[in-house]
Structure formats: structure tokens, C-alpha cells
Amino acid sequence: MKQAELKAFLDEKAAYYEHPRFIETDPIQIPHQFHHKQDIEIAAFLTATIAWGNRKSILNSAQKMMTILGGTPHDFVMNYEMSPLPDFVHRTFKTADLTFLCQGLQRLYQNFPDMDAFFVAQGDGTVAEKICAFRDFMLLSPHEKRSEKHLSNPLKGSAAKRLNMFFRWMVRDAKAGVDFGLWKGIRPAELSLPLDVHTGNVARKLKLLKRKQSDRKALEALDARLRKMDPKDPVKYDFALFGLGVFEKF
């Protein structure tokens, strides 16, 4: 396809898949259970953190986490007194990892009214740099070395799929009824695509991406192509690429 044809095709697919029906099978349904900004942030972050593997398993595990947090994530985090949490396992993510993240979130909300304020306080910089600042802040809490792998480091070559997905959820406009549009300190134009197996494979088939690895270099190349199509909201194409891969087996 020529560039104009490809853009028209992806615009159509993005509009089709960015619809409330998308929520029915997607992990974003977990934060959609909540109404307060801080509850949504915490539910979204924890859900995104374990969003790899079978989607049904992700949803079941994320719901278990919300149950552990008593259905009130922000209140739980703020009142958490380091008592042992119930056993929790999702693939390689375990109770110790959830404990560590709850401790880090508690310290964040003790210092900032919400996550949006935390990222505003980081000043100018790319989303990748802000992700790294968040990672560094969270890692100040006591943790096992193994827990560090659950917070990706884009400045060390990671595409940071799960954290970029979390940012998409929080930043992009809520008018379509899928993402939340809660954060005002980061613009949609700054976001990076949550690059995973599905979006990467579809992007390669459409010749938007040449690199075989789904790493930071691949993400930067794909971001550049998508920003040419829509400089203000390039990550809307996540819906198109993901939908084509998962639902249409493109």
C-alpha cells in the first residue's frame, strides 16, 4: 500500500477497535471498575505490570490483586503497614513483587497527590526518561533483585511495552470510552506504542517496521512512522495494529 492508503486503512481500523466493546476482553477493564483517579492509576499500573501471557490469565490475576487490595486500591496503599500480603502468583510475578510495588506506591502518594503530579515534577523530558525516573523512584523501596525486572528500563534497550501501555491508558483522551485521559502533564503526541508480539508482527507485515527484534530501537523506528501519520495522537494506531493481529489474525 502507498503511504496515503496505509494511513487510511489504519485510521479506519483504529476507529473501529477504539470502542467500548474493546474493553470486554482487554486488561483495561480492571481499572474501568473504579471511579477515583488514584484508584484508577493504581489498578491500571498493577494490571499493566502483569500484562503478559494469556489474556484470560491476566484478567484473573489482576482481579485477584484488586481483591487483595480490598477493592479500594488507594486506601489500601495509603494504609498499608507492611503486614504480609496473601499469596499471589502470576507467572514470575509473586507476592514479594506486589509487596514491593505497594510500598513504592505508598511513598509516591505520600509525596504527590497522584501519579500525574509525580510525572509533572520530573520536568521536561521524553516519556522514556520519565518512565526511568519512575522506575528509579520505585526502586528506592526495599526489594528483591528479581523484582527489578518488572519495571522495564527503556534507556537500556527495553521497549517497555507494559509501561507504555499504562501511559496510553492514562494519557489518551477518554472520548471513545476506552482510555482514561486522566493525566494532563503528558501529551498524547509524546507517547510511544506498546510494542508487543502482535503489534510488532503486524507492523512488519505492513512494512512499517523492518527490525526483527521488538526492542527500543524497533520502537523508536515504529514511533517515527506512526507520528508521520498522526503527529498529535500516534498511539491511536495501537488499536489498529493490535486489533489486526489478535482479532483478525492479519
C-alpha atoms as a PDB file:
ATOM      1  CA  MET A   1       0.000   0.000   0.000  1.00  0.00           C
ATOM      2  CA  LYS A   2       1.068   3.560  -0.631  1.00  0.00           C
ATOM      3  CA  GLN A   3       1.501   5.800   2.404  1.00  0.00           C
ATOM      4  CA  ALA A   4      -1.873   7.529   1.974  1.00  0.00           C
ATOM      5  CA  GLU A   5      -3.649   4.201   1.518  1.00  0.00           C
ATOM      6  CA  LEU A   6      -1.910   2.714   4.552  1.00  0.00           C
ATOM      7  CA  LYS A   7      -2.857   5.693   6.694  1.00  0.00           C
ATOM      8  CA  ALA A   8      -6.499   5.491   5.586  1.00  0.00           C
ATOM      9  CA  PHE A   9      -6.540   1.752   6.299  1.00  0.00           C
ATOM     10  CA  LEU A  10      -5.039   2.130   9.778  1.00  0.00           C
ATOM     11  CA  ASP A  11      -7.222   5.143  10.608  1.00  0.00           C
ATOM     12  CA  GLU A  12     -10.285   3.041   9.825  1.00  0.00           C
ATOM     13  CA  LYS A  13      -9.069   0.097  11.926  1.00  0.00           C
ATOM     14  CA  ALA A  14      -8.077   2.359  14.835  1.00  0.00           C
ATOM     15  CA  ALA A  15     -11.533   3.960  14.891  1.00  0.00           C
ATOM     16  CA  TYR A  16     -13.208   0.552  14.721  1.00  0.00           C
ATOM     17  CA  TYR A  17     -11.279  -1.034  17.568  1.00  0.00           C
ATOM     18  CA  GLU A  18     -11.182   2.001  19.876  1.00  0.00           C
ATOM     19  CA  HIS A  19     -14.698   1.265  21.089  1.00  0.00           C
ATOM     20  CA  PRO A  20     -16.130   0.244  24.485  1.00  0.00           C
ATOM     21  CA  ARG A  21     -16.535  -3.330  23.210  1.00  0.00           C
ATOM     22  CA  PHE A  22     -12.712  -3.485  23.173  1.00  0.00           C
ATOM     23  CA  ILE A  23     -12.791  -3.368  26.981  1.00  0.00           C
ATOM     24  CA  GLU A  24     -14.704  -6.655  27.234  1.00  0.00           C
ATOM     25  CA  THR A  25     -11.611  -8.778  26.572  1.00  0.00           C
ATOM     26  CA  ASP A  26      -8.801  -6.375  27.461  1.00  0.00           C
ATOM     27  CA  PRO A  27      -6.942  -5.838  30.766  1.00  0.00           C
ATOM     28  CA  ILE A  28      -8.053  -2.202  30.702  1.00  0.00           C
ATOM     29  CA  GLN A  29     -11.384  -3.479  32.052  1.00  0.00           C
ATOM     30  CA  ILE A  30      -9.776  -3.763  35.512  1.00  0.00           C
ATOM     31  CA  PRO A  31      -9.145  -0.020  36.067  1.00  0.00           C
ATOM     32  CA  HIS A  32     -12.547   0.657  34.491  1.00  0.00           C
ATOM     33  CA  GLN A  33     -14.062  -0.836  37.649  1.00  0.00           C
ATOM     34  CA  PHE A  34     -13.029   2.300  39.551  1.00  0.00           C
ATOM     35  CA  HIS A  35     -14.040   5.960  39.529  1.00  0.00           C
ATOM     36  CA  HIS A  36     -11.475   7.871  41.604  1.00  0.00           C
ATOM     37  CA  LYS A  37      -8.300   9.000  39.862  1.00  0.00           C
ATOM     38  CA  GLN A  38      -5.873   7.393  42.307  1.00  0.00           C
ATOM     39  CA  ASP A  39      -7.766   4.085  42.334  1.00  0.00           C
ATOM     40  CA  ILE A  40      -7.706   4.013  38.529  1.00  0.00           C
ATOM     41  CA  GLU A  41      -3.981   4.818  38.443  1.00  0.00           C
ATOM     42  CA  ILE A  42      -3.053   2.063  40.868  1.00  0.00           C
ATOM     43  CA  ALA A  43      -5.338  -0.533  39.299  1.00  0.00           C
ATOM     44  CA  ALA A  44      -4.039   0.353  35.847  1.00  0.00           C
ATOM     45  CA  PHE A  45      -0.379   0.274  36.860  1.00  0.00           C
ATOM     46  CA  LEU A  46      -0.607  -3.069  38.659  1.00  0.00           C
ATOM     47  CA  THR A  47      -2.668  -4.607  35.864  1.00  0.00           C
ATOM     48  CA  ALA A  48      -0.277  -3.377  33.190  1.00  0.00           C
ATOM     49  CA  THR A  49       2.655  -4.722  35.203  1.00  0.00           C
ATOM     50  CA  ILE A  50       1.384  -8.302  34.902  1.00  0.00           C
ATOM     51  CA  ALA A  51       0.022  -7.938  31.358  1.00  0.00           C
ATOM     52  CA  TRP A  52       1.936 -10.662  29.582  1.00  0.00           C
ATOM     53  CA  GLY A  53       0.846 -14.138  28.617  1.00  0.00           C
ATOM     54  CA  ASN A  54      -2.701 -15.442  28.227  1.00  0.00           C
ATOM     55  CA  ARG A  55      -5.258 -12.613  28.399  1.00  0.00           C
ATOM     56  CA  LYS A  56      -7.733 -14.620  30.472  1.00  0.00           C
ATOM     57  CA  SER A  57      -4.983 -15.401  32.955  1.00  0.00           C
ATOM     58  CA  ILE A  58      -4.011 -11.721  33.095  1.00  0.00           C
ATOM     59  CA  LEU A  59      -7.597 -10.729  33.865  1.00  0.00           C
ATOM     60  CA  ASN A  60      -7.976 -13.391  36.561  1.00  0.00           C
ATOM     61  CA  SER A  61      -4.705 -12.425  38.215  1.00  0.00           C
ATOM     62  CA  ALA A  62      -5.414  -8.703  38.044  1.00  0.00           C
ATOM     63  CA  GLN A  63      -8.793  -9.269  39.657  1.00  0.00           C
ATOM     64  CA  LYS A  64      -7.108 -11.247  42.434  1.00  0.00           C
ATOM     65  CA  MET A  65      -4.808  -8.292  43.052  1.00  0.00           C
ATOM     66  CA  MET A  66      -7.790  -5.956  43.331  1.00  0.00           C
ATOM     67  CA  THR A  67      -9.326  -8.361  45.859  1.00  0.00           C
ATOM     68  CA  ILE A  68      -6.100  -8.335  47.885  1.00  0.00           C
ATOM     69  CA  LEU A  69      -6.284  -4.537  47.827  1.00  0.00           C
ATOM     70  CA  GLY A  70      -9.795  -4.749  49.267  1.00  0.00           C
ATOM     71  CA  GLY A  71     -11.436  -3.212  46.215  1.00  0.00           C
ATOM     72  CA  THR A  72     -10.050   0.193  47.267  1.00  0.00           C
ATOM     73  CA  PRO A  73      -6.511   0.395  45.850  1.00  0.00           C
ATOM     74  CA  HIS A  74      -5.635   3.901  47.020  1.00  0.00           C
ATOM     75  CA  ASP A  75      -6.929   3.439  50.574  1.00  0.00           C
ATOM     76  CA  PHE A  76      -5.131   0.105  50.798  1.00  0.00           C
ATOM     77  CA  VAL A  77      -1.833   1.540  49.620  1.00  0.00           C
ATOM     78  CA  MET A  78      -2.022   4.562  51.910  1.00  0.00           C
ATOM     79  CA  ASN A  79      -2.839   2.442  54.972  1.00  0.00           C
ATOM     80  CA  TYR A  80      -0.538  -0.466  54.173  1.00  0.00           C
ATOM     81  CA  GLU A  81       1.624  -1.216  57.214  1.00  0.00           C
ATOM     82  CA  MET A  82       3.954  -3.801  55.699  1.00  0.00           C
ATOM     83  CA  SER A  83       1.968  -6.756  57.018  1.00  0.00           C
ATOM     84  CA  PRO A  84       2.302  -9.914  54.886  1.00  0.00           C
ATOM     85  CA  LEU A  85       0.062  -9.982  51.834  1.00  0.00           C
ATOM     86  CA  PRO A  86      -1.888 -13.089  50.817  1.00  0.00           C
ATOM     87  CA  ASP A  87      -0.033 -15.421  48.481  1.00  0.00           C
ATOM     88  CA  PHE A  88      -0.114 -14.207  44.909  1.00  0.00           C
ATOM     89  CA  VAL A  89       1.470 -15.600  41.750  1.00  0.00           C
ATOM     90  CA  HIS A  90       1.172 -14.569  38.109  1.00  0.00           C
ATOM     91  CA  ARG A  91       3.850 -16.314  36.079  1.00  0.00           C
ATOM     92  CA  THR A  92       7.101 -14.843  37.509  1.00  0.00           C
ATOM     93  CA  PHE A  93       5.332 -12.056  39.428  1.00  0.00           C
ATOM     94  CA  LYS A  94       4.885 -13.056  43.069  1.00  0.00           C
ATOM     95  CA  THR A  95       3.779 -11.775  46.461  1.00  0.00           C
ATOM     96  CA  ALA A  96       7.168 -10.174  47.147  1.00  0.00           C
ATOM     97  CA  ASP A  97       6.842  -8.166  43.927  1.00  0.00           C
ATOM     98  CA  LEU A  98       3.349  -6.954  44.799  1.00  0.00           C
ATOM     99  CA  THR A  99       4.550  -6.023  48.287  1.00  0.00           C
ATOM    100  CA  PHE A 100       7.428  -4.021  46.849  1.00  0.00           C
ATOM    101  CA  LEU A 101       5.146  -2.149  44.443  1.00  0.00           C
ATOM    102  CA  CYS A 102       2.655  -1.349  47.213  1.00  0.00           C
ATOM    103  CA  GLN A 103       5.481   0.113  49.285  1.00  0.00           C
ATOM    104  CA  GLY A 104       6.700   2.221  46.385  1.00  0.00           C
ATOM    105  CA  LEU A 105       3.200   3.437  45.593  1.00  0.00           C
ATOM    106  CA  GLN A 106       2.622   4.352  49.227  1.00  0.00           C
ATOM    107  CA  ARG A 107       5.724   6.542  49.212  1.00  0.00           C
ATOM    108  CA  LEU A 108       4.693   8.127  45.909  1.00  0.00           C
ATOM    109  CA  TYR A 109       1.233   9.068  47.200  1.00  0.00           C
ATOM    110  CA  GLN A 110       2.711  10.333  50.449  1.00  0.00           C
ATOM    111  CA  ASN A 111       4.706  12.834  48.398  1.00  0.00           C
ATOM    112  CA  PHE A 112       2.370  13.563  45.487  1.00  0.00           C
ATOM    113  CA  PRO A 113      -1.428  13.809  45.173  1.00  0.00           C
ATOM    114  CA  ASP A 114      -1.393  11.472  42.186  1.00  0.00           C
ATOM    115  CA  MET A 115       0.920   9.933  39.595  1.00  0.00           C
ATOM    116  CA  ASP A 116       0.241  12.743  37.153  1.00  0.00           C
ATOM    117  CA  ALA A 117       1.769  15.180  39.652  1.00  0.00           C
ATOM    118  CA  PHE A 118       4.804  12.919  40.021  1.00  0.00           C
ATOM    119  CA  PHE A 119       5.488  12.994  36.287  1.00  0.00           C
ATOM    120  CA  VAL A 120       4.890  16.750  36.068  1.00  0.00           C
ATOM    121  CA  ALA A 121       7.507  17.154  38.808  1.00  0.00           C
ATOM    122  CA  GLN A 122      10.065  15.387  36.606  1.00  0.00           C
ATOM    123  CA  GLY A 123      10.110  18.417  34.310  1.00  0.00           C
ATOM    124  CA  ASP A 124      10.819  18.297  30.607  1.00  0.00           C
ATOM    125  CA  GLY A 125      11.997  15.082  29.056  1.00  0.00           C
ATOM    126  CA  THR A 126      10.825  12.198  26.947  1.00  0.00           C
ATOM    127  CA  VAL A 127       8.318   9.632  28.118  1.00  0.00           C
ATOM    128  CA  ALA A 128      11.179   7.109  28.189  1.00  0.00           C
ATOM    129  CA  GLU A 129      13.091   9.371  30.583  1.00  0.00           C
ATOM    130  CA  LYS A 130      10.007   9.791  32.761  1.00  0.00           C
ATOM    131  CA  ILE A 131       9.499   6.030  32.856  1.00  0.00           C
ATOM    132  CA  CYS A 132      13.095   5.708  34.047  1.00  0.00           C
ATOM    133  CA  ALA A 133      12.534   8.371  36.716  1.00  0.00           C
ATOM    134  CA  PHE A 134       9.501   6.446  37.936  1.00  0.00           C
ATOM    135  CA  ARG A 135      11.477   3.208  37.931  1.00  0.00           C
ATOM    136  CA  ASP A 136      14.292   4.799  39.929  1.00  0.00           C
ATOM    137  CA  PHE A 137      11.805   6.210  42.439  1.00  0.00           C
ATOM    138  CA  MET A 138      10.067   2.870  42.921  1.00  0.00           C
ATOM    139  CA  LEU A 139      13.357   1.020  43.323  1.00  0.00           C
ATOM    140  CA  LEU A 140      14.188   3.151  46.361  1.00  0.00           C
ATOM    141  CA  SER A 141      11.794   0.910  48.285  1.00  0.00           C
ATOM    142  CA  PRO A 142      13.200  -2.329  49.770  1.00  0.00           C
ATOM    143  CA  HIS A 143      13.011  -5.095  47.203  1.00  0.00           C
ATOM    144  CA  GLU A 144      14.496  -8.322  45.997  1.00  0.00           C
ATOM    145  CA  LYS A 145      16.786  -8.023  42.995  1.00  0.00           C
ATOM    146  CA  ARG A 146      14.401 -10.206  40.993  1.00  0.00           C
ATOM    147  CA  SER A 147      11.645  -7.592  41.360  1.00  0.00           C
ATOM    148  CA  GLU A 148      13.529  -5.095  39.213  1.00  0.00           C
ATOM    149  CA  LYS A 149      12.659  -6.970  36.021  1.00  0.00           C
ATOM    150  CA  HIS A 150       9.004  -5.998  36.472  1.00  0.00           C
ATOM    151  CA  LEU A 151       9.869  -2.326  35.912  1.00  0.00           C
ATOM    152  CA  SER A 152      11.332  -2.029  32.418  1.00  0.00           C
ATOM    153  CA  ASN A 153      14.225   0.295  31.657  1.00  0.00           C
ATOM    154  CA  PRO A 154      13.824   1.874  28.192  1.00  0.00           C
ATOM    155  CA  LEU A 155      17.211   3.562  28.423  1.00  0.00           C
ATOM    156  CA  LYS A 156      18.790   0.105  28.492  1.00  0.00           C
ATOM    157  CA  GLY A 157      17.137  -1.093  25.318  1.00  0.00           C
ATOM    158  CA  SER A 158      13.725  -2.225  26.528  1.00  0.00           C
ATOM    159  CA  ALA A 159      10.604  -1.357  24.522  1.00  0.00           C
ATOM    160  CA  ALA A 160       8.839  -1.088  27.912  1.00  0.00           C
ATOM    161  CA  LYS A 161       5.614  -2.434  26.432  1.00  0.00           C
ATOM    162  CA  ARG A 162       3.680  -2.670  29.703  1.00  0.00           C
ATOM    163  CA  LEU A 163       4.617   0.771  30.998  1.00  0.00           C
ATOM    164  CA  ASN A 164       3.910   2.366  27.618  1.00  0.00           C
ATOM    165  CA  MET A 165       0.518   0.658  27.655  1.00  0.00           C
ATOM    166  CA  PHE A 166      -0.123   2.047  31.134  1.00  0.00           C
ATOM    167  CA  PHE A 167       0.804   5.524  29.889  1.00  0.00           C
ATOM    168  CA  ARG A 168      -1.545   5.135  26.901  1.00  0.00           C
ATOM    169  CA  TRP A 169      -4.391   4.248  29.235  1.00  0.00           C
ATOM    170  CA  MET A 170      -3.766   7.280  31.461  1.00  0.00           C
ATOM    171  CA  VAL A 171      -2.962   9.937  28.841  1.00  0.00           C
ATOM    172  CA  ARG A 172      -5.091   9.405  25.747  1.00  0.00           C
ATOM    173  CA  ASP A 173      -8.479  11.081  25.538  1.00  0.00           C
ATOM    174  CA  ALA A 174     -11.429   9.280  27.110  1.00  0.00           C
ATOM    175  CA  LYS A 175     -13.967  10.372  24.477  1.00  0.00           C
ATOM    176  CA  ALA A 176     -14.037   6.942  22.791  1.00  0.00           C
ATOM    177  CA  GLY A 177     -14.756   5.262  26.128  1.00  0.00           C
ATOM    178  CA  VAL A 178     -11.592   3.140  26.295  1.00  0.00           C
ATOM    179  CA  ASP A 179      -8.594   5.129  27.568  1.00  0.00           C
ATOM    180  CA  PHE A 180      -8.974   7.453  30.549  1.00  0.00           C
ATOM    181  CA  GLY A 181      -7.418  10.836  29.713  1.00  0.00           C
ATOM    182  CA  LEU A 182      -6.589  11.396  33.389  1.00  0.00           C
ATOM    183  CA  TRP A 183      -3.086  12.815  33.064  1.00  0.00           C
ATOM    184  CA  LYS A 184      -2.573  16.321  31.744  1.00  0.00           C
ATOM    185  CA  GLY A 185       1.197  16.610  32.252  1.00  0.00           C
ATOM    186  CA  ILE A 186       1.994  14.363  29.281  1.00  0.00           C
ATOM    187  CA  ARG A 187       0.592  14.938  25.796  1.00  0.00           C
ATOM    188  CA  PRO A 188      -0.670  12.096  23.578  1.00  0.00           C
ATOM    189  CA  ALA A 189       1.858  13.223  20.969  1.00  0.00           C
ATOM    190  CA  GLU A 190       4.682  12.196  23.324  1.00  0.00           C
ATOM    191  CA  LEU A 191       3.528   8.613  23.840  1.00  0.00           C
ATOM    192  CA  SER A 192       5.202   5.501  22.485  1.00  0.00           C
ATOM    193  CA  LEU A 193       3.389   2.463  21.152  1.00  0.00           C
ATOM    194  CA  PRO A 194       3.079  -0.549  23.499  1.00  0.00           C
ATOM    195  CA  LEU A 195       5.141  -2.762  21.205  1.00  0.00           C
ATOM    196  CA  ASP A 196       4.404  -6.463  21.657  1.00  0.00           C
ATOM    197  CA  VAL A 197       4.358  -9.621  19.557  1.00  0.00           C
ATOM    198  CA  HIS A 198       1.044  -8.787  17.880  1.00  0.00           C
ATOM    199  CA  THR A 199       1.699  -5.120  17.078  1.00  0.00           C
ATOM    200  CA  GLY A 200       5.257  -5.882  16.000  1.00  0.00           C
ATOM    201  CA  ASN A 201       4.273  -8.676  13.622  1.00  0.00           C
ATOM    202  CA  VAL A 202       1.504  -6.634  12.016  1.00  0.00           C
ATOM    203  CA  ALA A 203       3.805  -3.608  11.691  1.00  0.00           C
ATOM    204  CA  ARG A 204       6.362  -5.783   9.873  1.00  0.00           C
ATOM    205  CA  LYS A 205       3.750  -7.204   7.516  1.00  0.00           C
ATOM    206  CA  LEU A 206       2.642  -3.670   6.692  1.00  0.00           C
ATOM    207  CA  LYS A 207       6.307  -2.665   6.198  1.00  0.00           C
ATOM    208  CA  LEU A 208       6.096  -0.095   8.969  1.00  0.00           C
ATOM    209  CA  LEU A 209       8.925  -1.884  10.744  1.00  0.00           C
ATOM    210  CA  LYS A 210      11.971  -3.721   9.423  1.00  0.00           C
ATOM    211  CA  ARG A 211      13.819  -4.627  12.608  1.00  0.00           C
ATOM    212  CA  LYS A 212      13.217  -8.212  13.730  1.00  0.00           C
ATOM    213  CA  GLN A 213      13.697  -7.608  17.445  1.00  0.00           C
ATOM    214  CA  SER A 214      10.927  -5.865  19.380  1.00  0.00           C
ATOM    215  CA  ASP A 215      13.314  -3.670  21.365  1.00  0.00           C
ATOM    216  CA  ARG A 216      13.842   0.023  21.966  1.00  0.00           C
ATOM    217  CA  LYS A 217      15.380   0.620  18.524  1.00  0.00           C
ATOM    218  CA  ALA A 218      12.396  -1.047  16.860  1.00  0.00           C
ATOM    219  CA  LEU A 219      10.014   1.049  18.944  1.00  0.00           C
ATOM    220  CA  GLU A 220      11.748   4.292  18.010  1.00  0.00           C
ATOM    221  CA  ALA A 221      11.583   3.388  14.315  1.00  0.00           C
ATOM    222  CA  LEU A 222       7.898   2.459  14.518  1.00  0.00           C
ATOM    223  CA  ASP A 223       7.051   5.555  16.575  1.00  0.00           C
ATOM    224  CA  ALA A 224       8.645   7.718  13.879  1.00  0.00           C
ATOM    225  CA  ARG A 225       6.466   6.143  11.171  1.00  0.00           C
ATOM    226  CA  LEU A 226       3.279   6.477  13.219  1.00  0.00           C
ATOM    227  CA  ARG A 227       3.996  10.105  14.117  1.00  0.00           C
ATOM    228  CA  LYS A 228       4.124  10.933  10.411  1.00  0.00           C
ATOM    229  CA  MET A 229       0.588   9.537  10.095  1.00  0.00           C
ATOM    230  CA  ASP A 230      -0.774  11.370  13.134  1.00  0.00           C
ATOM    231  CA  PRO A 231       1.641  13.719  14.936  1.00  0.00           C
ATOM    232  CA  LYS A 232      -0.897  14.569  17.636  1.00  0.00           C
ATOM    233  CA  ASP A 233      -2.025  11.049  18.528  1.00  0.00           C
ATOM    234  CA  PRO A 234       0.305   8.414  17.048  1.00  0.00           C
ATOM    235  CA  VAL A 235      -0.517   5.756  19.635  1.00  0.00           C
ATOM    236  CA  LYS A 236      -4.127   5.507  18.458  1.00  0.00           C
ATOM    237  CA  TYR A 237      -2.645   3.057  15.946  1.00  0.00           C
ATOM    238  CA  ASP A 238      -2.064   0.614  18.789  1.00  0.00           C
ATOM    239  CA  PHE A 239      -5.755  -0.251  18.427  1.00  0.00           C
ATOM    240  CA  ALA A 240      -5.333  -0.862  14.697  1.00  0.00           C
ATOM    241  CA  LEU A 241      -2.172  -2.972  14.895  1.00  0.00           C
ATOM    242  CA  PHE A 242      -3.326  -4.936  17.938  1.00  0.00           C
ATOM    243  CA  GLY A 243      -6.825  -5.488  16.557  1.00  0.00           C
ATOM    244  CA  LEU A 244      -5.487  -6.671  13.229  1.00  0.00           C
ATOM    245  CA  GLY A 245      -3.139  -9.105  14.934  1.00  0.00           C
ATOM    246  CA  VAL A 246      -5.358 -10.503  17.694  1.00  0.00           C
ATOM    247  CA  PHE A 247      -8.858 -10.348  16.250  1.00  0.00           C
ATOM    248  CA  GLU A 248      -8.246 -10.578  12.508  1.00  0.00           C
ATOM    249  CA  LYS A 249      -5.139 -12.818  12.574  1.00  0.00           C
ATOM    250  CA  PHE A 250      -3.634 -10.472   9.979  1.00  0.00           C
END
